[in-house]
Amino acid sequence: MKKINHFIVIFALFMCPFAMRAQLSSFILLGDTHYDKMEDHDFQWVNANQSGDLSQIEGYTANTRTNWEDFMTHLRNIVKTNTPQIKSVIQLGDISEGLAGDTKADQMAKSIMSAVDNSGLGVPWIIAKGNHDVTSGDPAKLAFNNNYIPMFRKQTGNNSINSANYSYKVGNIEFFVCDYYERSDIDP
């Protein structure tokens, strides 16, 4: 029994520096933010393809209009005052409402990336692709690649990112972001 107790004490002393090191960083975790603006939807497309989602679009656009700036102010305050220091924002998909339609997919993606860029949080956003981010089909997927991926590069400082499959390292913590919707496009 004495050997086991010594082992536990030695193991605890060995692990203590690692546990303390893990507490040197914090992260803000977000999901289903659904940033949305009415002007970013082709309502002819929505009515023809997703008419049941009109009330959802109205709700998300009202939420963005009413709460986005206050939400960003709140997050900026957390980033400035939190201990341990916030190192990044982790967005677990669906940063957008989607449903832009063929003609507005690029406009919606630009609008969302502009909101991220203008958030003023001072820490990188690590964004995973969600189903809403590519709901409109091929035009939304193309808009995602043309707008989000450059933002991933800018936010992480990693110019080698060329898909929604990427990693980002903060100290001794590495985040792996996987693109569930384009499984054949996995970077080595």
N, C-alpha and C. Protein backbone atom coordinates (compact mmCIF):
# COMPACT_ATOMS: atom_id res chain seq x y z
N MET A 1 0.82 -1.19 0.00
CA MET A 1 0.00 0.00 0.00
C MET A 1 0.87 1.27 0.00
N LYS A 2 2.00 1.21 0.73
CA LYS A 2 2.89 2.35 0.81
C LYS A 2 3.46 2.70 -0.56
N LYS A 3 3.79 1.67 -1.39
CA LYS A 3 4.30 1.90 -2.75
C LYS A 3 3.27 2.63 -3.60
N ILE A 4 2.01 2.23 -3.49
CA ILE A 4 0.94 2.87 -4.26
C ILE A 4 0.79 4.32 -3.85
N ASN A 5 0.82 4.61 -2.56
CA ASN A 5 0.69 6.00 -2.09
C ASN A 5 1.84 6.86 -2.60
N HIS A 6 3.08 6.32 -2.58
CA HIS A 6 4.22 7.06 -3.11
C HIS A 6 4.05 7.32 -4.60
N PHE A 7 3.58 6.31 -5.33
CA PHE A 7 3.34 6.46 -6.76
C PHE A 7 2.32 7.57 -7.02
N ILE A 8 1.24 7.59 -6.24
CA ILE A 8 0.19 8.61 -6.42
C ILE A 8 0.76 9.99 -6.15
N VAL A 9 1.55 10.15 -5.10
CA VAL A 9 2.14 11.45 -4.78
C VAL A 9 3.11 11.87 -5.88
N ILE A 10 3.96 10.97 -6.33
CA ILE A 10 4.92 11.29 -7.40
C ILE A 10 4.18 11.64 -8.69
N PHE A 11 3.16 10.86 -9.03
CA PHE A 11 2.37 11.13 -10.22
C PHE A 11 1.70 12.50 -10.12
N ALA A 12 1.12 12.83 -8.96
CA ALA A 12 0.45 14.12 -8.76
C ALA A 12 1.44 15.27 -8.89
N LEU A 13 2.63 15.10 -8.32
CA LEU A 13 3.65 16.15 -8.44
C LEU A 13 4.13 16.29 -9.88
N PHE A 14 4.22 15.16 -10.60
CA PHE A 14 4.61 15.19 -12.00
C PHE A 14 3.56 15.89 -12.85
N MET A 15 2.29 15.66 -12.57
CA MET A 15 1.19 16.22 -13.38
C MET A 15 0.90 17.67 -13.03
N CYS A 16 1.26 18.13 -11.86
CA CYS A 16 0.93 19.48 -11.42
C CYS A 16 1.38 20.57 -12.40
N PRO A 17 2.64 20.54 -12.89
CA PRO A 17 3.03 21.58 -13.86
C PRO A 17 2.18 21.55 -15.13
N PHE A 18 1.77 20.35 -15.58
CA PHE A 18 0.94 20.25 -16.77
C PHE A 18 -0.44 20.82 -16.51
N ALA A 19 -0.99 20.54 -15.35
CA ALA A 19 -2.31 21.07 -15.00
C ALA A 19 -2.25 22.58 -14.89
N MET A 20 -1.19 23.11 -14.31
CA MET A 20 -1.07 24.56 -14.19
C MET A 20 -0.90 25.19 -15.57
N ARG A 21 -0.13 24.57 -16.44
CA ARG A 21 0.09 25.09 -17.79
C ARG A 21 -1.23 25.11 -18.57
N ALA A 22 -2.07 24.13 -18.37
CA ALA A 22 -3.34 24.06 -19.08
C ALA A 22 -4.26 25.21 -18.68
N GLN A 23 -4.02 25.81 -17.54
CA GLN A 23 -4.87 26.89 -17.06
C GLN A 23 -4.38 28.27 -17.49
N LEU A 24 -3.40 28.35 -18.37
CA LEU A 24 -2.87 29.64 -18.80
C LEU A 24 -3.66 30.25 -19.94
N SER A 25 -4.62 29.52 -20.48
CA SER A 25 -5.40 30.00 -21.62
C SER A 25 -6.87 29.66 -21.43
N SER A 26 -7.70 30.51 -21.98
CA SER A 26 -9.14 30.24 -22.04
C SER A 26 -9.60 30.49 -23.47
N PHE A 27 -10.76 29.95 -23.80
CA PHE A 27 -11.32 30.08 -25.14
C PHE A 27 -12.80 30.38 -25.00
N ILE A 28 -13.33 31.15 -25.94
CA ILE A 28 -14.77 31.38 -26.00
C ILE A 28 -15.32 30.38 -27.00
N LEU A 29 -16.31 29.63 -26.60
CA LEU A 29 -16.91 28.61 -27.44
C LEU A 29 -18.30 29.06 -27.86
N LEU A 30 -18.52 29.15 -29.18
CA LEU A 30 -19.81 29.57 -29.73
C LEU A 30 -20.33 28.50 -30.67
N GLY A 31 -21.61 28.44 -30.81
CA GLY A 31 -22.23 27.56 -31.78
C GLY A 31 -23.55 28.13 -32.23
N ASP A 32 -23.94 27.83 -33.45
CA ASP A 32 -25.23 28.26 -33.98
C ASP A 32 -25.49 29.74 -33.77
N THR A 33 -24.53 30.55 -34.14
CA THR A 33 -24.67 32.00 -34.01
C THR A 33 -25.72 32.54 -34.98
N HIS A 34 -25.78 31.99 -36.17
CA HIS A 34 -26.76 32.34 -37.20
C HIS A 34 -26.83 33.84 -37.49
N TYR A 35 -25.66 34.44 -37.72
CA TYR A 35 -25.61 35.83 -38.17
C TYR A 35 -26.40 35.93 -39.47
N ASP A 36 -27.27 36.93 -39.56
CA ASP A 36 -28.16 36.99 -40.73
C ASP A 36 -28.67 38.40 -40.97
N LYS A 37 -28.82 38.75 -42.25
CA LYS A 37 -29.41 40.02 -42.67
C LYS A 37 -30.41 39.73 -43.78
N MET A 38 -31.52 40.42 -43.78
CA MET A 38 -32.57 40.22 -44.79
C MET A 38 -32.04 40.42 -46.20
N GLU A 39 -31.18 41.42 -46.39
CA GLU A 39 -30.69 41.73 -47.74
C GLU A 39 -29.77 40.64 -48.29
N ASP A 40 -29.38 39.68 -47.46
CA ASP A 40 -28.50 38.60 -47.90
C ASP A 40 -29.27 37.36 -48.36
N HIS A 41 -30.57 37.49 -48.59
CA HIS A 41 -31.40 36.37 -49.04
C HIS A 41 -32.05 36.68 -50.39
N ASP A 42 -32.06 35.73 -51.27
CA ASP A 42 -32.83 35.78 -52.50
C ASP A 42 -34.18 35.13 -52.17
N PHE A 43 -35.18 35.96 -51.90
CA PHE A 43 -36.46 35.43 -51.42
C PHE A 43 -37.24 34.68 -52.49
N GLN A 44 -36.96 34.91 -53.76
CA GLN A 44 -37.56 34.06 -54.79
C GLN A 44 -37.04 32.63 -54.63
N TRP A 45 -35.74 32.51 -54.42
CA TRP A 45 -35.15 31.19 -54.21
C TRP A 45 -35.68 30.56 -52.92
N VAL A 46 -35.73 31.35 -51.85
CA VAL A 46 -36.22 30.83 -50.56
C VAL A 46 -37.66 30.34 -50.71
N ASN A 47 -38.53 31.14 -51.34
CA ASN A 47 -39.93 30.74 -51.50
C ASN A 47 -40.07 29.48 -52.35
N ALA A 48 -39.20 29.32 -53.33
CA ALA A 48 -39.27 28.14 -54.20
C ALA A 48 -38.66 26.90 -53.57
N ASN A 49 -37.70 27.08 -52.67
CA ASN A 49 -36.94 25.94 -52.15
C ASN A 49 -37.06 25.70 -50.64
N GLN A 50 -37.27 26.75 -49.88
CA GLN A 50 -37.25 26.63 -48.42
C GLN A 50 -38.32 27.51 -47.78
N SER A 51 -39.50 27.58 -48.35
CA SER A 51 -40.52 28.52 -47.87
C SER A 51 -40.87 28.28 -46.40
N GLY A 52 -40.71 27.07 -45.92
CA GLY A 52 -41.00 26.79 -44.52
C GLY A 52 -40.04 27.44 -43.55
N ASP A 53 -38.94 27.97 -44.06
CA ASP A 53 -37.93 28.59 -43.21
C ASP A 53 -38.03 30.12 -43.14
N LEU A 54 -39.08 30.69 -43.72
CA LEU A 54 -39.21 32.15 -43.71
C LEU A 54 -39.26 32.71 -42.29
N SER A 55 -40.00 32.08 -41.39
CA SER A 55 -40.09 32.60 -40.02
C SER A 55 -38.74 32.46 -39.31
N GLN A 56 -37.99 31.42 -39.65
CA GLN A 56 -36.67 31.24 -39.07
C GLN A 56 -35.74 32.37 -39.55
N ILE A 57 -35.80 32.70 -40.82
CA ILE A 57 -34.99 33.80 -41.36
C ILE A 57 -35.37 35.11 -40.67
N GLU A 58 -36.66 35.35 -40.53
CA GLU A 58 -37.11 36.58 -39.86
C GLU A 58 -36.59 36.64 -38.42
N GLY A 59 -36.61 35.51 -37.73
CA GLY A 59 -36.12 35.48 -36.35
C GLY A 59 -34.62 35.72 -36.25
N TYR A 60 -33.86 35.07 -37.13
CA TYR A 60 -32.41 35.24 -37.08
C TYR A 60 -31.99 36.65 -37.50
N THR A 61 -32.67 37.22 -38.50
CA THR A 61 -32.30 38.57 -38.91
C THR A 61 -32.64 39.57 -37.81
N ALA A 62 -33.77 39.38 -37.16
CA ALA A 62 -34.14 40.27 -36.03
C ALA A 62 -33.13 40.12 -34.90
N ASN A 63 -32.73 38.91 -34.62
CA ASN A 63 -31.75 38.67 -33.56
C ASN A 63 -30.41 39.33 -33.88
N THR A 64 -29.96 39.21 -35.13
CA THR A 64 -28.70 39.84 -35.54
C THR A 64 -28.81 41.35 -35.43
N ARG A 65 -29.89 41.90 -35.96
CA ARG A 65 -30.09 43.36 -35.94
C ARG A 65 -30.15 43.88 -34.51
N THR A 66 -30.82 43.18 -33.63
CA THR A 66 -31.05 43.64 -32.27
C THR A 66 -29.88 43.37 -31.33
N ASN A 67 -29.19 42.25 -31.53
CA ASN A 67 -28.25 41.79 -30.51
C ASN A 67 -26.78 41.70 -30.91
N TRP A 68 -26.45 41.70 -32.21
CA TRP A 68 -25.08 41.42 -32.62
C TRP A 68 -24.07 42.38 -32.00
N GLU A 69 -24.32 43.67 -32.09
CA GLU A 69 -23.34 44.64 -31.57
C GLU A 69 -23.18 44.51 -30.06
N ASP A 70 -24.28 44.33 -29.34
CA ASP A 70 -24.18 44.13 -27.88
C ASP A 70 -23.44 42.84 -27.56
N PHE A 71 -23.68 41.80 -28.35
CA PHE A 71 -23.01 40.53 -28.16
C PHE A 71 -21.51 40.69 -28.37
N MET A 72 -21.10 41.40 -29.43
CA MET A 72 -19.68 41.62 -29.69
C MET A 72 -19.06 42.47 -28.59
N THR A 73 -19.79 43.47 -28.10
CA THR A 73 -19.29 44.28 -26.98
C THR A 73 -19.07 43.42 -25.75
N HIS A 74 -20.01 42.53 -25.48
CA HIS A 74 -19.89 41.61 -24.34
C HIS A 74 -18.67 40.69 -24.52
N LEU A 75 -18.50 40.14 -25.72
CA LEU A 75 -17.35 39.28 -25.97
C LEU A 75 -16.03 40.04 -25.87
N ARG A 76 -16.00 41.27 -26.38
CA ARG A 76 -14.77 42.09 -26.26
C ARG A 76 -14.43 42.30 -24.79
N ASN A 77 -15.44 42.54 -23.96
CA ASN A 77 -15.21 42.73 -22.53
C ASN A 77 -14.66 41.46 -21.89
N ILE A 78 -15.20 40.32 -22.27
CA ILE A 78 -14.70 39.05 -21.74
C ILE A 78 -13.24 38.85 -22.16
N VAL A 79 -12.93 39.12 -23.44
CA VAL A 79 -11.56 38.96 -23.92
C VAL A 79 -10.61 39.85 -23.14
N LYS A 80 -11.02 41.07 -22.84
CA LYS A 80 -10.15 42.03 -22.14
C LYS A 80 -9.95 41.69 -20.67
N THR A 81 -10.97 41.11 -20.03
CA THR A 81 -10.93 40.99 -18.57
C THR A 81 -10.78 39.57 -18.04
N ASN A 82 -10.95 38.58 -18.88
CA ASN A 82 -10.95 37.20 -18.38
C ASN A 82 -9.56 36.76 -17.94
N THR A 83 -9.53 36.02 -16.86
CA THR A 83 -8.33 35.34 -16.40
C THR A 83 -8.69 33.88 -16.20
N PRO A 84 -7.97 32.95 -16.84
CA PRO A 84 -6.83 33.15 -17.73
C PRO A 84 -7.25 33.80 -19.04
N GLN A 85 -6.26 34.36 -19.71
CA GLN A 85 -6.47 35.14 -20.93
C GLN A 85 -7.16 34.32 -22.02
N ILE A 86 -8.13 34.96 -22.70
CA ILE A 86 -8.80 34.35 -23.85
C ILE A 86 -7.82 34.34 -25.02
N LYS A 87 -7.66 33.17 -25.65
CA LYS A 87 -6.72 33.04 -26.76
C LYS A 87 -7.39 32.97 -28.12
N SER A 88 -8.67 32.56 -28.16
CA SER A 88 -9.38 32.53 -29.44
C SER A 88 -10.86 32.26 -29.20
N VAL A 89 -11.62 32.50 -30.26
CA VAL A 89 -13.04 32.16 -30.29
C VAL A 89 -13.17 30.91 -31.13
N ILE A 90 -13.85 29.92 -30.61
CA ILE A 90 -14.09 28.68 -31.34
C ILE A 90 -15.56 28.68 -31.74
N GLN A 91 -15.84 28.78 -33.04
CA GLN A 91 -17.21 28.78 -33.58
C GLN A 91 -17.48 27.40 -34.14
N LEU A 92 -18.39 26.66 -33.49
CA LEU A 92 -18.63 25.27 -33.84
C LEU A 92 -19.67 25.10 -34.95
N GLY A 93 -19.61 25.92 -35.96
CA GLY A 93 -20.50 25.79 -37.11
C GLY A 93 -21.72 26.66 -37.01
N ASP A 94 -22.36 26.84 -38.16
CA ASP A 94 -23.57 27.64 -38.30
C ASP A 94 -23.37 29.08 -37.81
N ILE A 95 -22.29 29.69 -38.24
CA ILE A 95 -22.12 31.11 -37.96
C ILE A 95 -23.14 31.90 -38.78
N SER A 96 -23.63 31.30 -39.87
CA SER A 96 -24.62 31.96 -40.71
C SER A 96 -25.96 31.22 -40.66
N GLU A 97 -26.98 31.90 -41.10
CA GLU A 97 -28.28 31.26 -41.27
C GLU A 97 -28.31 30.46 -42.56
N GLY A 98 -27.57 30.92 -43.55
CA GLY A 98 -27.62 30.25 -44.85
C GLY A 98 -28.87 30.64 -45.60
N LEU A 99 -29.30 29.78 -46.49
CA LEU A 99 -30.51 30.01 -47.30
C LEU A 99 -30.44 31.31 -48.08
N ALA A 100 -29.26 31.62 -48.59
CA ALA A 100 -29.09 32.84 -49.36
C ALA A 100 -29.65 32.70 -50.76
N GLY A 101 -29.64 31.49 -51.28
CA GLY A 101 -30.02 31.28 -52.67
C GLY A 101 -28.83 31.45 -53.58
N ASP A 102 -29.03 31.07 -54.82
CA ASP A 102 -27.93 31.07 -55.78
C ASP A 102 -27.31 32.45 -55.99
N THR A 103 -28.12 33.49 -56.04
CA THR A 103 -27.62 34.81 -56.40
C THR A 103 -27.05 35.59 -55.22
N LYS A 104 -27.33 35.18 -54.00
CA LYS A 104 -26.90 35.95 -52.83
C LYS A 104 -25.91 35.22 -51.93
N ALA A 105 -25.51 34.02 -52.31
CA ALA A 105 -24.62 33.22 -51.45
C ALA A 105 -23.29 33.94 -51.19
N ASP A 106 -22.71 34.51 -52.23
CA ASP A 106 -21.44 35.21 -52.07
C ASP A 106 -21.62 36.46 -51.20
N GLN A 107 -22.71 37.18 -51.42
CA GLN A 107 -23.00 38.37 -50.62
C GLN A 107 -23.15 38.01 -49.14
N MET A 108 -23.86 36.91 -48.85
CA MET A 108 -24.04 36.49 -47.46
C MET A 108 -22.71 36.12 -46.83
N ALA A 109 -21.89 35.35 -47.53
CA ALA A 109 -20.59 34.95 -46.99
C ALA A 109 -19.71 36.17 -46.72
N LYS A 110 -19.71 37.13 -47.64
CA LYS A 110 -18.93 38.36 -47.43
C LYS A 110 -19.44 39.13 -46.23
N SER A 111 -20.75 39.20 -46.06
CA SER A 111 -21.35 39.91 -44.93
C SER A 111 -20.92 39.29 -43.60
N ILE A 112 -20.93 37.98 -43.55
CA ILE A 112 -20.56 37.28 -42.32
C ILE A 112 -19.08 37.46 -42.03
N MET A 113 -18.24 37.29 -43.03
CA MET A 113 -16.81 37.45 -42.81
C MET A 113 -16.46 38.89 -42.45
N SER A 114 -17.21 39.85 -42.98
CA SER A 114 -17.02 41.24 -42.59
C SER A 114 -17.38 41.43 -41.11
N ALA A 115 -18.45 40.79 -40.66
CA ALA A 115 -18.85 40.89 -39.26
C ALA A 115 -17.77 40.30 -38.35
N VAL A 116 -17.18 39.18 -38.75
CA VAL A 116 -16.09 38.58 -37.98
C VAL A 116 -14.89 39.52 -37.97
N ASP A 117 -14.53 40.03 -39.13
CA ASP A 117 -13.39 40.92 -39.26
C ASP A 117 -13.57 42.19 -38.43
N ASN A 118 -14.80 42.69 -38.39
CA ASN A 118 -15.08 43.94 -37.67
C ASN A 118 -15.45 43.73 -36.21
N SER A 119 -15.41 42.50 -35.73
CA SER A 119 -15.82 42.22 -34.35
C SER A 119 -14.89 42.88 -33.33
N GLY A 120 -13.64 43.09 -33.71
CA GLY A 120 -12.71 43.77 -32.83
C GLY A 120 -12.37 42.99 -31.57
N LEU A 121 -12.45 41.67 -31.63
CA LEU A 121 -12.18 40.87 -30.43
C LEU A 121 -10.69 40.79 -30.11
N GLY A 122 -9.84 40.95 -31.12
CA GLY A 122 -8.41 40.91 -30.87
C GLY A 122 -7.84 39.52 -30.69
N VAL A 123 -8.67 38.50 -30.91
CA VAL A 123 -8.21 37.10 -30.89
C VAL A 123 -8.76 36.42 -32.13
N PRO A 124 -8.10 35.37 -32.59
CA PRO A 124 -8.57 34.69 -33.79
C PRO A 124 -9.90 33.96 -33.58
N TRP A 125 -10.68 33.90 -34.64
CA TRP A 125 -11.88 33.06 -34.68
C TRP A 125 -11.49 31.77 -35.38
N ILE A 126 -11.74 30.66 -34.76
CA ILE A 126 -11.53 29.34 -35.36
C ILE A 126 -12.92 28.84 -35.72
N ILE A 127 -13.22 28.79 -37.01
CA ILE A 127 -14.59 28.55 -37.47
C ILE A 127 -14.69 27.21 -38.17
N ALA A 128 -15.64 26.40 -37.71
CA ALA A 128 -15.96 25.14 -38.38
C ALA A 128 -17.17 25.36 -39.27
N LYS A 129 -17.18 24.70 -40.41
CA LYS A 129 -18.31 24.79 -41.34
C LYS A 129 -19.50 24.04 -40.75
N GLY A 130 -20.65 24.71 -40.75
CA GLY A 130 -21.89 24.08 -40.30
C GLY A 130 -22.83 23.87 -41.47
N ASN A 131 -23.88 23.09 -41.26
CA ASN A 131 -24.81 22.82 -42.34
C ASN A 131 -25.48 24.09 -42.86
N HIS A 132 -25.78 25.04 -42.00
CA HIS A 132 -26.42 26.28 -42.45
C HIS A 132 -25.48 27.11 -43.32
N ASP A 133 -24.19 26.99 -43.09
CA ASP A 133 -23.21 27.77 -43.85
C ASP A 133 -23.15 27.39 -45.32
N VAL A 134 -23.67 26.21 -45.66
CA VAL A 134 -23.64 25.74 -47.05
C VAL A 134 -25.00 25.21 -47.50
N THR A 135 -26.08 25.67 -46.86
CA THR A 135 -27.42 25.15 -47.13
C THR A 135 -27.90 25.39 -48.55
N SER A 136 -27.48 26.46 -49.18
CA SER A 136 -27.99 26.79 -50.51
C SER A 136 -27.38 25.95 -51.62
N GLY A 137 -26.58 24.97 -51.31
CA GLY A 137 -26.00 24.10 -52.34
C GLY A 137 -24.69 24.62 -52.89
N ASP A 138 -24.43 24.31 -54.15
CA ASP A 138 -23.14 24.62 -54.76
C ASP A 138 -22.74 26.09 -54.68
N PRO A 139 -23.66 27.04 -54.93
CA PRO A 139 -23.24 28.44 -54.80
C PRO A 139 -22.79 28.80 -53.38
N ALA A 140 -23.44 28.22 -52.38
CA ALA A 140 -23.04 28.48 -50.99
C ALA A 140 -21.69 27.84 -50.69
N LYS A 141 -21.45 26.65 -51.23
CA LYS A 141 -20.16 25.98 -51.03
C LYS A 141 -19.04 26.78 -51.67
N LEU A 142 -19.28 27.28 -52.88
CA LEU A 142 -18.28 28.10 -53.56
C LEU A 142 -18.05 29.40 -52.79
N ALA A 143 -19.12 30.03 -52.33
CA ALA A 143 -19.00 31.27 -51.55
C ALA A 143 -18.23 31.02 -50.26
N PHE A 144 -18.49 29.88 -49.63
CA PHE A 144 -17.76 29.51 -48.41
C PHE A 144 -16.26 29.44 -48.72
N ASN A 145 -15.91 28.71 -49.75
CA ASN A 145 -14.49 28.56 -50.11
C ASN A 145 -13.86 29.90 -50.47
N ASN A 146 -14.58 30.75 -51.19
CA ASN A 146 -14.03 32.02 -51.65
C ASN A 146 -13.92 33.08 -50.56
N ASN A 147 -14.72 32.96 -49.51
CA ASN A 147 -14.75 33.99 -48.46
C ASN A 147 -14.28 33.51 -47.09
N TYR A 148 -14.71 32.36 -46.67
CA TYR A 148 -14.35 31.86 -45.35
C TYR A 148 -12.88 31.45 -45.30
N ILE A 149 -12.42 30.71 -46.31
CA ILE A 149 -11.06 30.19 -46.26
C ILE A 149 -10.02 31.33 -46.20
N PRO A 150 -10.16 32.40 -46.99
CA PRO A 150 -9.24 33.53 -46.79
C PRO A 150 -9.32 34.12 -45.37
N MET A 151 -10.53 34.10 -44.79
CA MET A 151 -10.67 34.59 -43.41
C MET A 151 -9.97 33.64 -42.43
N PHE A 152 -10.06 32.33 -42.67
CA PHE A 152 -9.33 31.38 -41.82
C PHE A 152 -7.84 31.70 -41.84
N ARG A 153 -7.31 31.96 -43.03
CA ARG A 153 -5.89 32.28 -43.18
C ARG A 153 -5.55 33.55 -42.41
N LYS A 154 -6.39 34.56 -42.58
CA LYS A 154 -6.15 35.84 -41.91
C LYS A 154 -6.23 35.70 -40.40
N GLN A 155 -7.25 35.01 -39.92
CA GLN A 155 -7.45 34.87 -38.48
C GLN A 155 -6.34 34.06 -37.82
N THR A 156 -5.88 33.02 -38.48
CA THR A 156 -4.88 32.14 -37.88
C THR A 156 -3.44 32.51 -38.24
N GLY A 157 -3.27 33.35 -39.26
CA GLY A 157 -1.93 33.66 -39.74
C GLY A 157 -1.29 32.51 -40.50
N ASN A 158 -2.12 31.56 -40.93
CA ASN A 158 -1.63 30.39 -41.65
C ASN A 158 -2.10 30.45 -43.10
N ASN A 159 -1.22 30.88 -43.98
CA ASN A 159 -1.58 31.03 -45.40
C ASN A 159 -1.65 29.71 -46.16
N SER A 160 -1.33 28.61 -45.51
CA SER A 160 -1.39 27.32 -46.21
C SER A 160 -2.77 26.66 -46.10
N ILE A 161 -3.69 27.26 -45.36
CA ILE A 161 -5.03 26.68 -45.26
C ILE A 161 -5.72 26.81 -46.61
N ASN A 162 -6.21 25.68 -47.16
CA ASN A 162 -6.89 25.73 -48.45
C ASN A 162 -8.22 25.00 -48.45
N SER A 163 -8.73 24.68 -47.26
CA SER A 163 -10.05 24.06 -47.16
C SER A 163 -10.57 24.29 -45.74
N ALA A 164 -11.75 23.77 -45.48
CA ALA A 164 -12.33 23.88 -44.13
C ALA A 164 -11.78 22.81 -43.21
N ASN A 165 -10.82 22.02 -43.68
CA ASN A 165 -10.06 21.09 -42.84
C ASN A 165 -8.74 21.77 -42.51
N TYR A 166 -8.58 22.18 -41.27
CA TYR A 166 -7.34 22.84 -40.89
C TYR A 166 -7.12 22.68 -39.39
N SER A 167 -5.94 23.07 -38.96
CA SER A 167 -5.65 23.04 -37.53
C SER A 167 -5.09 24.39 -37.12
N TYR A 168 -5.20 24.67 -35.83
CA TYR A 168 -4.69 25.91 -35.28
C TYR A 168 -4.14 25.61 -33.90
N LYS A 169 -2.93 26.06 -33.65
CA LYS A 169 -2.27 25.75 -32.39
C LYS A 169 -2.16 27.01 -31.54
N VAL A 170 -2.55 26.88 -30.28
CA VAL A 170 -2.43 27.94 -29.29
C VAL A 170 -1.59 27.36 -28.16
N GLY A 171 -0.35 27.80 -28.06
CA GLY A 171 0.53 27.23 -27.04
C GLY A 171 0.66 25.73 -27.26
N ASN A 172 0.32 24.96 -26.24
CA ASN A 172 0.42 23.51 -26.36
C ASN A 172 -0.92 22.86 -26.68
N ILE A 173 -1.90 23.65 -27.10
CA ILE A 173 -3.22 23.15 -27.45
C ILE A 173 -3.41 23.30 -28.96
N GLU A 174 -3.78 22.22 -29.61
CA GLU A 174 -4.02 22.28 -31.05
C GLU A 174 -5.47 21.91 -31.34
N PHE A 175 -6.13 22.76 -32.12
CA PHE A 175 -7.50 22.53 -32.54
C PHE A 175 -7.49 21.97 -33.96
N PHE A 176 -8.23 20.91 -34.17
CA PHE A 176 -8.39 20.34 -35.50
C PHE A 176 -9.81 20.58 -35.95
N VAL A 177 -9.96 21.28 -37.06
CA VAL A 177 -11.27 21.60 -37.60
C VAL A 177 -11.50 20.71 -38.81
N CYS A 178 -12.57 19.95 -38.76
CA CYS A 178 -12.87 19.00 -39.83
C CYS A 178 -14.10 19.44 -40.60
N ASP A 179 -14.01 19.35 -41.90
CA ASP A 179 -15.12 19.69 -42.78
C ASP A 179 -15.96 18.43 -43.01
N TYR A 180 -17.01 18.31 -42.29
CA TYR A 180 -17.88 17.13 -42.37
C TYR A 180 -18.59 17.05 -43.72
N TYR A 181 -18.71 18.17 -44.41
CA TYR A 181 -19.50 18.23 -45.64
C TYR A 181 -18.68 18.00 -46.90
N GLU A 182 -17.36 17.99 -46.79
CA GLU A 182 -16.48 17.73 -47.94
C GLU A 182 -15.42 16.74 -47.50
N ARG A 183 -15.83 15.54 -47.24
CA ARG A 183 -14.92 14.53 -46.68
C ARG A 183 -13.78 14.16 -47.62
N SER A 184 -13.97 14.31 -48.92
CA SER A 184 -12.90 13.95 -49.85
C SER A 184 -11.81 15.01 -49.92
N ASP A 185 -12.06 16.18 -49.35
CA ASP A 185 -11.13 17.29 -49.42
C ASP A 185 -10.38 17.45 -48.09
N ILE A 186 -9.60 16.44 -47.72
CA ILE A 186 -8.88 16.48 -46.45
C ILE A 186 -7.41 16.73 -46.72
N ASP A 187 -6.91 17.80 -46.12
CA ASP A 187 -5.50 18.14 -46.26
C ASP A 187 -4.67 17.16 -45.43
N PRO A 188 -3.48 16.84 -45.91
CA PRO A 188 -2.60 15.96 -45.12
C PRO A 188 -2.07 16.68 -43.89
